Amino acid sequence: MTAPARVLTVAGSDSGGGAGIQADLKTMMALGTHGMSVLTAVTAQNSLGVQGAWELPADAVRAQFRSVVDDIGVQAVKTGMLATAELVHTVAELLTGVAVPVVVDPVGVSKHGDALLAASALDAVRTELLPRATVATPNLDEVVQLTGVRVTSPREMREAADAVLRYGPRWALIKGGHLSGEATDLLTDGHEEHWLRAPRHPNRHTHGTGCTLASAIAAELAKGADVPAAAAAAKDYVTGAIAAGFALGGGIGPVDHAWRRR
């Protein structure tokens, strides 16, 4: 049998299973690809928040990456929580030698507001990681962290996208999920614009949306879609996952990565 498209996630672990590596692998499987992982950090995390986080040594990250890429190969890479400037530098250096699409989710804070990226690492994300991205997928809080631009309405998302694109990604997907009204995202390369809209579902159980969207884009790119088609398909998938999100624990539950099979 022919192996499915191979997608590599480089991110942190979520012990509660709603975000991070766990969400990435679930998404990749749901979309018919083979997910592989490079673990960058371990978190103690549940529906209430992040109780602790420990980054892995750069050598461990490098060894995992080389182990997968040199033997199995990849057709797309997604990055998530990188935590420190050293890890950002290490991953950016590794990505230089891989000629496949790269989706960068510049994870700065968790769903509960817990910091997942050291302030000292922001400059490395801007100057080393974003220039290697095929698509960067910041939410509005991460846009502020990276660029200082604050978005309060969809019409201001163009300014945010321009600010992100100045750091070098080929495409920027500005996620407007924190705004009111329709769930509206803007995908642009500075010339083309694609507005991705979906109804907002009244469901508070949305843990893992950012990881899931970025991983879905990477999966679609690995299967051969172009960026606008990959983003549109990923938006459809994550919208369904949000609608089916379920209560888990005492706080915010996860989106349902298996919603299409229920």
Protein backbone atom coordinates (compact mmCIF):
# COMPACT_ATOMS: atom_id res chain seq x y z
CA MET A 1 0.00 0.00 0.00
CA THR A 2 1.12 3.56 -0.71
CA ALA A 3 1.97 5.54 2.40
CA PRO A 4 -0.16 8.64 3.06
CA ALA A 5 1.33 12.12 2.89
CA ARG A 6 3.76 12.72 5.78
CA VAL A 7 3.44 15.75 8.04
CA LEU A 8 5.80 16.69 10.87
CA THR A 9 4.78 18.75 13.89
CA VAL A 10 7.46 20.49 15.94
CA ALA A 11 5.70 21.57 19.11
CA GLY A 12 5.04 21.05 22.81
CA SER A 13 2.99 18.37 24.50
CA ASP A 14 -0.40 19.04 26.09
CA SER A 15 -0.95 16.40 28.76
CA GLY A 16 -4.70 17.05 28.62
CA GLY A 17 -4.77 16.07 24.94
CA GLY A 18 -6.59 19.15 23.62
CA ALA A 19 -3.79 21.17 22.04
CA GLY A 20 -0.11 20.88 21.14
CA ILE A 21 1.39 17.70 19.73
CA GLN A 22 -1.70 15.71 20.66
CA ALA A 23 -4.07 17.99 18.73
CA ASP A 24 -1.67 18.12 15.79
CA LEU A 25 -1.47 14.33 15.42
CA LYS A 26 -5.23 13.89 15.79
CA THR A 27 -5.82 16.50 13.08
CA MET A 28 -3.28 14.97 10.73
CA MET A 29 -4.88 11.53 11.08
CA ALA A 30 -8.40 12.93 10.65
CA LEU A 31 -7.32 14.52 7.36
CA GLY A 32 -5.77 11.34 5.98
CA THR A 33 -2.09 12.05 6.52
CA HIS A 34 0.65 10.38 8.57
CA GLY A 35 1.61 12.61 11.48
CA MET A 36 5.08 12.59 13.05
CA SER A 37 6.44 14.66 15.91
CA VAL A 38 9.40 16.52 17.31
CA LEU A 39 8.71 17.32 20.94
CA THR A 40 10.04 20.70 22.09
CA ALA A 41 8.51 20.95 25.55
CA VAL A 42 6.42 19.07 28.09
CA THR A 43 3.55 20.81 29.84
CA ALA A 44 1.41 19.85 32.80
CA GLN A 45 -1.87 21.06 31.38
CA ASN A 46 -5.59 20.41 31.74
CA SER A 47 -8.92 22.11 31.08
CA LEU A 48 -8.16 24.74 33.74
CA GLY A 49 -4.77 25.91 32.47
CA VAL A 50 -1.06 25.19 32.38
CA GLN A 51 0.40 24.16 35.71
CA GLY A 52 3.98 23.75 34.51
CA ALA A 53 6.17 23.72 31.40
CA TRP A 54 9.64 22.31 30.74
CA GLU A 55 11.44 22.79 27.43
CA LEU A 56 13.63 20.02 26.01
CA PRO A 57 17.34 20.56 25.26
CA ALA A 58 18.14 21.81 21.76
CA ASP A 59 20.15 18.64 21.10
CA ALA A 60 17.08 16.50 21.80
CA VAL A 61 15.00 18.57 19.39
CA ARG A 62 17.70 18.39 16.72
CA ALA A 63 18.07 14.62 17.12
CA GLN A 64 14.32 14.00 16.80
CA PHE A 65 14.10 16.14 13.69
CA ARG A 66 17.05 14.49 11.95
CA SER A 67 15.79 11.02 12.92
CA VAL A 68 12.45 11.59 11.19
CA VAL A 69 13.52 13.69 8.22
CA ASP A 70 16.63 11.73 7.24
CA ASP A 71 14.87 8.36 7.21
CA ILE A 72 11.13 8.87 6.65
CA GLY A 73 11.05 12.27 4.99
CA VAL A 74 8.32 14.90 5.22
CA GLN A 75 5.99 16.72 2.84
CA ALA A 76 5.02 19.56 5.19
CA VAL A 77 6.08 20.85 8.60
CA LYS A 78 4.05 22.64 11.26
CA THR A 79 5.68 24.46 14.19
CA GLY A 80 3.97 25.33 17.45
CA MET A 81 5.27 25.98 20.97
CA LEU A 82 9.02 26.63 20.87
CA ALA A 83 9.33 28.36 24.28
CA THR A 84 12.87 29.81 24.12
CA ALA A 85 15.15 31.73 21.77
CA GLU A 86 17.52 28.76 21.64
CA LEU A 87 14.77 26.42 20.48
CA VAL A 88 13.51 28.95 17.91
CA HIS A 89 17.04 29.28 16.55
CA THR A 90 17.50 25.50 16.46
CA VAL A 91 14.23 24.86 14.63
CA ALA A 92 14.75 27.70 12.18
CA GLU A 93 18.18 26.31 11.34
CA LEU A 94 16.75 22.82 10.80
CA LEU A 95 14.00 24.15 8.54
CA THR A 96 16.56 25.81 6.28
CA GLY A 97 17.51 22.42 4.87
CA VAL A 98 13.96 21.15 4.25
CA ALA A 99 12.36 22.18 0.94
CA VAL A 100 8.71 21.62 1.90
CA PRO A 101 5.88 23.93 2.99
CA VAL A 102 6.19 25.18 6.56
CA VAL A 103 3.25 26.39 8.64
CA VAL A 104 4.35 28.52 11.59
CA ASP A 105 1.89 28.90 14.45
CA PRO A 106 3.73 31.46 16.60
CA VAL A 107 2.33 30.21 19.90
CA GLY A 108 2.69 32.88 22.57
CA VAL A 109 0.00 32.16 25.14
CA SER A 110 -2.35 29.28 25.94
CA LYS A 111 -6.14 29.40 25.69
CA HIS A 112 -6.14 30.25 29.41
CA GLY A 113 -3.62 33.11 29.10
CA ASP A 114 -0.54 31.20 30.26
CA ALA A 115 2.72 32.33 28.64
CA LEU A 116 4.26 29.68 26.36
CA LEU A 117 6.96 31.79 24.72
CA ALA A 118 9.67 33.70 26.56
CA ALA A 119 9.73 37.42 25.80
CA SER A 120 13.40 37.04 24.88
CA ALA A 121 12.41 34.64 22.07
CA LEU A 122 10.15 37.07 20.21
CA ASP A 123 12.97 38.60 18.20
CA ALA A 124 14.16 35.16 17.09
CA VAL A 125 10.62 34.32 15.94
CA ARG A 126 10.50 37.54 13.92
CA THR A 127 13.95 37.34 12.33
CA GLU A 128 14.65 33.60 12.07
CA LEU A 129 11.40 31.62 12.07
CA LEU A 130 8.87 33.77 10.20
CA PRO A 131 11.17 34.20 7.14
CA ARG A 132 11.05 30.40 6.71
CA ALA A 133 7.26 30.18 6.85
CA THR A 134 5.08 29.36 3.89
CA VAL A 135 2.14 30.42 6.07
CA ALA A 136 2.18 32.15 9.45
CA THR A 137 -1.01 31.80 11.51
CA PRO A 138 -1.00 34.27 14.43
CA ASN A 139 -4.11 35.05 16.43
CA LEU A 140 -4.76 38.65 17.42
CA ASP A 141 -2.87 38.41 20.73
CA GLU A 142 0.15 36.99 18.90
CA VAL A 143 -0.08 39.78 16.32
CA VAL A 144 0.28 42.29 19.16
CA GLN A 145 3.24 40.37 20.60
CA LEU A 146 5.03 40.22 17.25
CA THR A 147 4.16 43.56 15.67
CA GLY A 148 2.49 45.85 18.20
CA VAL A 149 -0.57 46.15 15.93
CA ARG A 150 -3.90 45.87 17.78
CA VAL A 151 -6.94 44.71 15.83
CA THR A 152 -10.42 45.59 17.07
CA SER A 153 -12.40 45.00 13.85
CA PRO A 154 -12.03 42.92 10.67
CA ARG A 155 -11.10 45.97 8.57
CA GLU A 156 -7.94 46.40 10.68
CA MET A 157 -6.76 42.88 9.86
CA ARG A 158 -5.10 44.12 6.66
CA GLU A 159 -2.73 46.27 8.72
CA ALA A 160 -1.95 43.29 10.92
CA ALA A 161 -1.26 41.08 7.91
CA ASP A 162 1.05 43.68 6.36
CA ALA A 163 2.97 43.94 9.62
CA VAL A 164 3.43 40.17 9.83
CA LEU A 165 4.39 39.85 6.16
CA ARG A 166 7.19 42.37 6.67
CA TYR A 167 9.01 39.65 8.63
CA GLY A 168 9.15 37.39 5.59
CA PRO A 169 6.49 34.66 5.52
CA ARG A 170 5.03 34.05 2.06
CA TRP A 171 1.47 34.16 3.41
CA ALA A 172 -0.09 35.47 6.61
CA LEU A 173 -3.32 34.08 8.01
CA ILE A 174 -4.63 36.53 10.61
CA LYS A 175 -7.13 34.73 12.80
CA GLY A 176 -10.03 36.89 13.92
CA GLY A 177 -11.61 34.44 16.32
CA HIS A 178 -11.26 36.87 19.23
CA LEU A 179 -13.50 39.44 17.52
CA SER A 180 -17.29 39.48 17.77
CA GLY A 181 -19.62 38.46 14.96
CA GLU A 182 -18.68 35.94 12.30
CA ALA A 183 -15.45 33.99 12.79
CA THR A 184 -13.45 35.86 10.15
CA ASP A 185 -9.83 35.21 9.13
CA LEU A 186 -7.75 37.01 6.51
CA LEU A 187 -5.28 35.10 4.34
CA THR A 188 -3.00 37.22 2.18
CA ASP A 189 0.41 37.27 0.54
CA GLY A 190 0.30 41.05 0.19
CA HIS A 191 -1.31 40.84 -3.26
CA GLU A 192 -4.11 38.27 -3.09
CA GLU A 193 -6.70 38.43 -0.33
CA HIS A 194 -8.90 35.58 0.81
CA TRP A 195 -11.47 36.23 3.53
CA LEU A 196 -12.41 33.03 5.33
CA ARG A 197 -15.72 33.33 7.16
CA ALA A 198 -17.73 30.87 9.21
CA PRO A 199 -20.64 31.10 11.62
CA ARG A 200 -19.67 31.52 15.25
CA HIS A 201 -20.85 28.57 17.30
CA PRO A 202 -22.00 29.22 20.88
CA ASN A 203 -19.62 26.67 22.35
CA ARG A 204 -17.06 27.56 25.02
CA HIS A 205 -15.13 24.31 24.51
CA THR A 206 -12.56 25.56 22.02
CA HIS A 207 -9.24 24.41 23.46
CA GLY A 208 -6.78 23.60 20.65
CA THR A 209 -8.28 25.67 17.84
CA GLY A 210 -5.01 27.34 16.82
CA CYS A 211 -2.98 24.12 16.81
CA THR A 212 -5.74 22.34 14.94
CA LEU A 213 -6.05 24.99 12.22
CA ALA A 214 -2.30 25.19 11.58
CA SER A 215 -1.99 21.40 11.49
CA ALA A 216 -4.93 21.12 9.11
CA ILE A 217 -3.29 23.62 6.74
CA ALA A 218 -0.05 21.63 6.88
CA ALA A 219 -1.93 18.38 6.17
CA GLU A 220 -3.66 19.87 3.13
CA LEU A 221 -0.39 21.32 1.83
CA ALA A 222 1.26 17.91 2.21
CA LYS A 223 -1.51 16.42 0.08
CA GLY A 224 -0.74 18.91 -2.69
CA ALA A 225 -3.20 21.76 -2.18
CA ASP A 226 -2.08 25.35 -2.78
CA VAL A 227 -2.16 27.75 0.17
CA PRO A 228 -5.61 29.32 -0.42
CA ALA A 229 -7.23 25.90 -0.93
CA ALA A 230 -5.43 24.45 2.09
CA ALA A 231 -6.53 27.33 4.31
CA ALA A 232 -10.15 27.10 3.15
CA ALA A 233 -10.27 23.34 3.79
CA ALA A 234 -8.64 23.80 7.19
CA LYS A 235 -11.14 26.51 8.13
CA ASP A 236 -14.00 24.16 7.26
CA TYR A 237 -12.48 21.36 9.34
CA VAL A 238 -11.79 23.48 12.42
CA THR A 239 -15.24 25.09 12.27
CA GLY A 240 -16.82 21.66 12.49
CA ALA A 241 -14.44 20.68 15.29
CA ILE A 242 -15.41 23.80 17.27
CA ALA A 243 -19.13 23.12 16.78
CA ALA A 244 -18.60 19.61 18.18
CA GLY A 245 -16.30 20.64 21.05
CA PHE A 246 -17.15 18.91 24.31
CA ALA A 247 -16.86 19.45 28.05
CA LEU A 248 -13.86 17.82 29.69
CA GLY A 249 -12.73 18.47 33.23
CA GLY A 250 -13.78 21.58 35.09
CA GLY A 251 -12.77 24.24 32.57
CA ILE A 252 -12.56 24.70 28.80
CA GLY A 253 -12.90 21.46 26.88
CA PRO A 254 -11.29 20.62 23.54
CA VAL A 255 -12.55 20.83 19.99
CA ASP A 256 -13.56 17.45 18.57
CA HIS A 257 -10.92 16.34 16.09
CA ALA A 258 -12.99 13.28 15.14
CA TRP A 259 -16.22 15.20 14.43
CA ARG A 260 -16.47 13.94 10.86
CA ARG A 261 -16.51 10.33 12.07
CA ARG A 262 -19.05 10.74 14.86
